[in-house]
Protein backbone atom coordinates (compact mmCIF):
# COMPACT_ATOMS: atom_id res chain seq x y z
CA MET A 1 129.64 94.11 83.93
CA LEU A 2 130.63 92.26 80.81
CA TYR A 3 128.49 92.12 77.69
CA ALA A 4 128.40 90.74 74.17
CA GLU A 5 126.21 91.78 71.27
CA GLN A 6 124.39 88.93 69.53
CA GLY A 7 122.64 90.38 66.45
CA THR A 8 119.89 92.62 67.82
CA SER A 9 120.30 91.25 71.37
CA PHE A 10 122.80 91.61 74.18
CA VAL A 11 124.05 89.09 76.72
CA LEU A 12 125.13 90.66 80.03
CA ARG A 13 127.09 89.20 82.91
CA LEU A 14 126.99 91.26 86.06
CA GLU A 15 129.88 91.17 88.50
CA GLN A 16 129.64 90.61 92.23
CA GLY A 17 128.33 93.77 93.85
CA ASP A 18 126.62 95.13 90.71
CA ASP A 19 123.11 96.41 91.39
CA ILE A 20 120.88 94.70 88.82
CA LEU A 21 118.46 97.56 88.09
CA LYS A 22 121.09 100.32 88.20
CA THR A 23 123.36 98.33 85.89
CA LEU A 24 120.51 97.63 83.45
CA LYS A 25 119.56 101.32 83.45
CA GLN A 26 123.15 102.45 82.80
CA PHE A 27 123.57 99.86 80.06
CA ALA A 28 120.25 100.74 78.37
CA ASP A 29 121.09 104.46 78.50
CA SER A 30 124.60 103.89 77.10
CA GLN A 31 123.24 101.74 74.24
CA LYS A 32 120.23 104.05 73.69
CA ILE A 33 117.84 101.15 74.33
CA ARG A 34 114.34 102.52 74.85
CA ALA A 35 112.25 99.34 74.75
CA ALA A 36 113.35 95.83 75.66
CA PHE A 37 112.64 92.79 77.73
CA PHE A 38 115.10 90.78 79.79
CA GLU A 39 115.44 87.61 81.79
CA GLY A 40 118.13 86.24 84.03
CA ILE A 41 119.36 83.68 86.53
CA GLY A 42 122.15 83.69 89.07
CA SER A 43 122.67 84.34 92.74
CA LEU A 44 122.62 87.25 95.16
CA TYR A 45 123.91 87.94 98.63
CA LYS A 46 121.57 90.89 99.16
CA ALA A 47 118.24 91.85 97.60
CA ARG A 48 115.67 94.60 98.04
CA LEU A 49 112.24 93.46 96.96
CA GLY A 50 108.81 94.93 97.31
CA HIS A 51 105.18 94.81 96.47
CA TYR A 52 102.62 97.47 95.68
CA ASP A 53 100.13 98.09 98.47
CA PHE A 54 96.88 98.66 96.55
CA LYS A 55 94.66 98.55 99.63
CA ASP A 56 96.15 101.05 102.08
CA THR A 57 99.05 103.28 101.04
CA ARG A 58 99.10 102.83 97.25
CA THR A 59 102.89 102.81 97.40
CA TYR A 60 105.59 100.15 97.18
CA LYS A 61 106.60 98.48 100.44
CA TYR A 62 110.15 97.12 100.39
CA GLU A 63 112.01 94.49 102.35
CA THR A 64 115.78 93.86 102.29
CA PHE A 65 117.26 90.35 102.45
CA ASP A 66 120.91 90.10 103.54
CA GLU A 67 121.62 86.45 102.81
CA ASP A 68 122.54 84.06 100.02
CA LEU A 69 119.71 83.83 97.50
CA GLU A 70 119.34 81.90 94.26
CA ILE A 71 117.68 83.75 91.36
CA LEU A 72 115.28 81.14 90.02
CA THR A 73 113.69 83.58 87.57
CA LEU A 74 114.28 87.24 86.80
CA SER A 75 112.12 88.85 84.17
CA GLY A 76 111.21 92.35 83.21
CA ASN A 77 111.23 95.11 80.69
CA VAL A 78 112.92 98.39 79.90
CA SER A 79 110.76 101.36 78.97
CA THR A 80 111.41 105.09 79.22
CA MET A 81 110.44 107.91 81.52
CA ASN A 82 111.64 111.48 80.97
CA GLN A 83 113.97 110.34 78.16
CA GLN A 84 115.72 107.90 80.56
CA ALA A 85 115.70 104.10 80.54
CA LEU A 86 113.42 102.65 83.20
CA PRO A 87 113.97 98.94 83.96
CA HIS A 88 111.17 97.07 85.75
CA ALA A 89 111.81 93.58 87.17
CA HIS A 90 110.11 90.72 88.96
CA ALA A 91 112.07 87.97 90.66
CA THR A 92 111.49 84.53 92.09
CA LEU A 93 114.20 83.69 94.61
CA GLY A 94 115.19 80.55 96.47
CA LEU A 95 116.07 80.85 100.14
CA GLY A 96 116.99 77.89 102.36
CA GLY A 97 114.61 75.44 100.73
CA GLY A 98 111.80 77.99 100.29
CA VAL A 99 110.78 80.12 97.34
CA PHE A 100 109.37 83.64 97.20
CA GLY A 101 108.86 86.30 94.57
CA GLN A 102 108.23 90.02 94.44
CA HIS A 103 108.87 93.19 92.51
CA GLY A 104 112.58 94.02 92.38
CA GLY A 105 113.98 97.43 92.89
CA GLY A 106 113.67 100.61 94.72
């Protein structure tokens, strides 16, 4: 990951193979960021996305996509839990002419 500081903001560029949420967590912890929002664009060759099942299990259900994906929107925030950075993201992805979006992570 490469980054530049721009006043009170940071611009990050993740490298191929970087896990978005893990990288954001490590960066936020290293910079002692405890509250933030982020957005991004780019592409992926693998993604794990999920949604919260309110009706039945009240847990997140995840699905993994092992194919080329375009990040049309990535937005989220960083908060804290147990003194650790906790990034939370939502993504809209393009796949072969279609579009879908879910909660990122897990």
